[in-house]
N, C-alpha and C. Protein backbone atom coordinates (compact mmCIF):
# COMPACT_ATOMS: atom_id res chain seq x y z
N MET A 1 3.20 93.93 69.52
CA MET A 1 3.61 94.36 67.95
C MET A 1 4.10 92.76 67.21
N SER A 2 3.60 92.67 66.00
CA SER A 2 3.96 91.65 65.22
C SER A 2 5.43 91.51 65.00
N ASP A 3 5.95 90.48 64.38
CA ASP A 3 7.49 90.41 64.21
C ASP A 3 7.93 90.97 62.89
N LYS A 4 7.13 91.63 62.19
CA LYS A 4 7.23 92.21 60.89
C LYS A 4 7.90 93.64 60.97
N LYS A 5 8.50 93.78 60.04
CA LYS A 5 9.53 94.70 59.95
C LYS A 5 8.50 95.69 59.32
N ARG A 6 8.77 97.44 59.69
CA ARG A 6 7.91 98.26 59.10
C ARG A 6 8.41 98.61 57.79
N LEU A 7 7.39 98.64 57.03
CA LEU A 7 7.45 99.02 55.70
C LEU A 7 7.69 100.49 55.69
N ALA A 8 9.00 101.09 55.08
CA ALA A 8 9.35 102.45 55.21
C ALA A 8 8.88 102.78 53.66
N ILE A 9 7.69 103.95 53.68
CA ILE A 9 7.11 104.65 52.54
C ILE A 9 7.02 105.95 53.09
N ASP A 10 7.84 106.91 52.07
CA ASP A 10 7.65 108.46 52.24
C ASP A 10 7.18 108.74 50.98
N ASP A 11 5.77 109.04 51.18
CA ASP A 11 4.87 109.80 50.10
C ASP A 11 5.72 111.03 49.36
N SER A 12 6.25 111.92 50.37
CA SER A 12 6.66 113.49 49.91
C SER A 12 8.18 113.33 49.00
N GLY A 13 8.78 111.91 49.42
CA GLY A 13 10.11 111.81 48.90
C GLY A 13 9.88 111.07 47.66
N GLN A 14 8.61 110.28 47.70
CA GLN A 14 8.61 109.36 46.61
C GLN A 14 9.69 108.23 46.94
N MET A 15 9.80 107.77 47.99
CA MET A 15 10.70 106.60 48.48
C MET A 15 9.99 105.70 49.34
N ILE A 16 10.82 104.33 48.95
CA ILE A 16 10.24 102.83 49.23
C ILE A 16 11.18 102.33 49.71
N GLN A 17 11.36 102.12 50.80
CA GLN A 17 12.59 101.33 51.55
C GLN A 17 14.08 101.78 51.29
N GLY A 18 13.64 103.23 51.16
CA GLY A 18 15.07 103.90 50.72
C GLY A 18 15.30 104.21 49.58
N ILE A 19 14.48 103.54 48.66
CA ILE A 19 14.71 103.75 47.17
C ILE A 19 13.96 105.03 46.52
N ARG A 20 14.35 105.83 45.83
CA ARG A 20 13.68 107.06 45.27
C ARG A 20 12.95 106.58 43.92
N VAL A 21 11.98 106.81 43.68
CA VAL A 21 11.06 106.54 42.44
C VAL A 21 11.10 107.93 42.00
N PHE A 22 11.47 108.21 40.66
CA PHE A 22 11.20 109.80 40.13
C PHE A 22 10.03 109.83 39.46
N SER A 23 9.54 108.63 39.23
CA SER A 23 8.14 108.93 38.21
C SER A 23 7.00 108.67 38.86
N PRO A 24 6.17 109.84 39.20
CA PRO A 24 5.20 109.78 40.14
C PRO A 24 4.29 108.47 39.70
N SER A 25 3.91 108.02 38.37
CA SER A 25 2.96 107.01 38.21
C SER A 25 3.80 105.75 38.59
N LEU A 26 5.15 105.57 37.98
CA LEU A 26 5.69 104.24 38.58
C LEU A 26 5.73 104.22 40.20
N TYR A 27 5.72 105.33 40.96
CA TYR A 27 5.69 105.25 42.33
C TYR A 27 4.68 104.66 42.71
N LYS A 28 3.50 105.13 42.35
CA LYS A 28 2.12 104.66 42.63
C LYS A 28 2.02 103.37 42.27
N LYS A 29 2.64 102.83 41.33
CA LYS A 29 2.30 101.45 40.88
C LYS A 29 2.84 100.60 41.99
N VAL A 30 4.48 101.09 42.00
CA VAL A 30 5.04 100.16 42.82
C VAL A 30 4.64 99.79 44.30
N ARG A 31 4.13 101.41 44.88
CA ARG A 31 3.71 101.26 46.10
C ARG A 31 2.80 100.52 46.37
N PHE A 32 1.81 100.51 45.14
CA PHE A 32 0.39 99.37 45.51
C PHE A 32 0.94 98.07 45.55
N VAL A 33 1.54 97.62 44.51
CA VAL A 33 2.25 96.44 44.68
C VAL A 33 2.94 96.03 45.83
N VAL A 34 3.84 96.72 46.23
CA VAL A 34 4.46 96.40 47.90
C VAL A 34 3.78 96.47 48.69
N GLN A 35 2.84 97.26 48.86
CA GLN A 35 1.92 97.12 50.36
C GLN A 35 1.21 96.17 50.13
N ASN A 36 0.57 95.87 48.97
CA ASN A 36 -0.48 94.59 49.30
C ASN A 36 0.50 93.16 49.67
N ASN A 37 1.81 93.14 48.91
CA ASN A 37 2.52 91.96 49.38
C ASN A 37 2.91 92.08 50.40
N HIS A 38 3.41 93.13 51.10
CA HIS A 38 3.58 93.06 52.60
C HIS A 38 2.61 92.88 53.37
N LEU A 39 1.42 93.11 52.77
CA LEU A 39 0.10 92.70 54.20
C LEU A 39 0.32 90.99 53.82
N GLU A 40 0.54 90.56 52.89
CA GLU A 40 0.56 88.87 52.48
C GLU A 40 1.76 88.20 53.24
N GLY A 41 2.73 89.13 54.01
CA GLY A 41 4.03 88.44 54.61
C GLY A 41 5.25 89.00 53.81
N TRP A 42 5.34 89.80 52.87
CA TRP A 42 6.74 89.87 52.00
C TRP A 42 7.29 91.01 52.81
N GLN A 43 8.70 90.52 52.99
CA GLN A 43 9.51 91.75 53.84
C GLN A 43 10.44 92.01 52.85
N PRO A 44 10.07 93.26 51.89
CA PRO A 44 11.01 93.82 50.78
C PRO A 44 12.08 94.18 51.50
N THR A 45 13.35 93.95 50.68
CA THR A 45 14.80 94.20 50.88
C THR A 45 15.00 95.56 50.35
N GLU A 46 15.79 96.26 50.50
CA GLU A 46 16.09 97.70 49.55
C GLU A 46 16.55 96.99 48.23
N LYS A 47 17.22 96.10 48.18
CA LYS A 47 17.68 95.65 46.59
C LYS A 47 16.45 95.11 45.95
N GLU A 48 15.45 94.41 46.69
CA GLU A 48 14.20 93.91 45.85
C GLU A 48 13.53 95.03 45.59
N ILE A 49 13.32 95.90 46.15
CA ILE A 49 12.77 97.61 45.78
C ILE A 49 13.63 98.01 44.83
N ASN A 50 14.57 98.05 44.72
CA ASN A 50 15.59 98.71 43.73
C ASN A 50 15.38 97.73 42.36
N ASP A 51 15.26 96.57 42.48
CA ASP A 51 15.00 95.76 41.25
C ASP A 51 13.67 96.21 40.82
N LEU A 52 12.73 96.18 41.54
CA LEU A 52 11.31 96.56 41.14
C LEU A 52 11.40 97.80 40.14
N VAL A 53 11.97 98.81 40.72
CA VAL A 53 12.00 100.24 40.04
C VAL A 53 12.75 100.63 38.97
N HIS A 54 14.27 99.76 39.00
CA HIS A 54 15.06 100.09 38.07
C HIS A 54 15.54 98.77 37.17
N GLY A 55 14.95 97.59 37.76
CA GLY A 55 15.55 96.63 36.63
C GLY A 55 14.48 96.56 35.82
N LYS A 56 15.10 95.34 34.71
CA LYS A 56 14.47 94.95 33.26
C LYS A 56 14.73 93.60 33.33
N PRO A 57 13.82 92.97 34.01
CA PRO A 57 13.98 91.34 33.77
C PRO A 57 13.87 90.66 32.44
N ASP A 58 14.43 89.80 32.34
CA ASP A 58 14.34 88.91 31.06
C ASP A 58 13.41 87.81 31.34
N LEU A 59 12.11 87.97 30.81
CA LEU A 59 11.03 87.21 31.05
C LEU A 59 11.08 86.27 29.93
N SER A 60 12.11 86.13 29.19
CA SER A 60 11.69 85.49 27.72
C SER A 60 11.54 83.43 28.28
N GLU A 61 12.55 83.41 29.21
CA GLU A 61 12.38 82.08 29.60
C GLU A 61 11.30 81.31 30.09
N ASP A 62 10.51 82.49 31.11
CA ASP A 62 9.41 82.13 31.66
C ASP A 62 8.33 82.23 30.38
N TYR A 63 8.16 83.09 29.43
CA TYR A 63 7.67 82.98 28.30
C TYR A 63 7.46 81.57 27.65
N HIS A 64 8.88 81.19 27.54
CA HIS A 64 8.89 79.96 26.48
C HIS A 64 8.20 78.88 27.28
N LYS A 65 8.44 78.79 28.72
CA LYS A 65 8.02 77.61 29.52
C LYS A 65 6.26 77.79 29.47
N VAL A 66 5.84 78.93 29.62
CA VAL A 66 4.19 79.09 29.66
C VAL A 66 3.47 78.51 28.37
N PHE A 67 4.30 79.23 27.28
CA PHE A 67 3.45 78.89 25.98
C PHE A 67 4.50 77.76 25.20
N GLY A 68 5.27 77.21 25.80
CA GLY A 68 5.78 76.04 25.33
C GLY A 68 6.38 76.28 23.81
N VAL A 69 6.87 77.19 23.78
CA VAL A 69 7.62 77.71 22.40
C VAL A 69 9.13 77.35 22.69
N SER A 70 9.87 76.75 21.91
CA SER A 70 11.01 76.27 21.96
C SER A 70 11.85 77.03 21.13
N ARG A 71 13.27 77.46 21.51
CA ARG A 71 13.97 78.03 20.70
C ARG A 71 14.88 77.85 19.75
């Protein structure tokens, strides 16, 4: 078996790496993203999953870099 950690997904409880996702549609989206990236080698932590589910990242800095808009 490989050195990869097992990805903990519980469809019946809508949990990924121990983090409960209450919205069924959000659960499906996050699960898809996590599984695909896990296949590419990402080893998601509980904190990273929690950030995906509950975080609201500020992407304004990235937006300004991409579109060259100065503040």
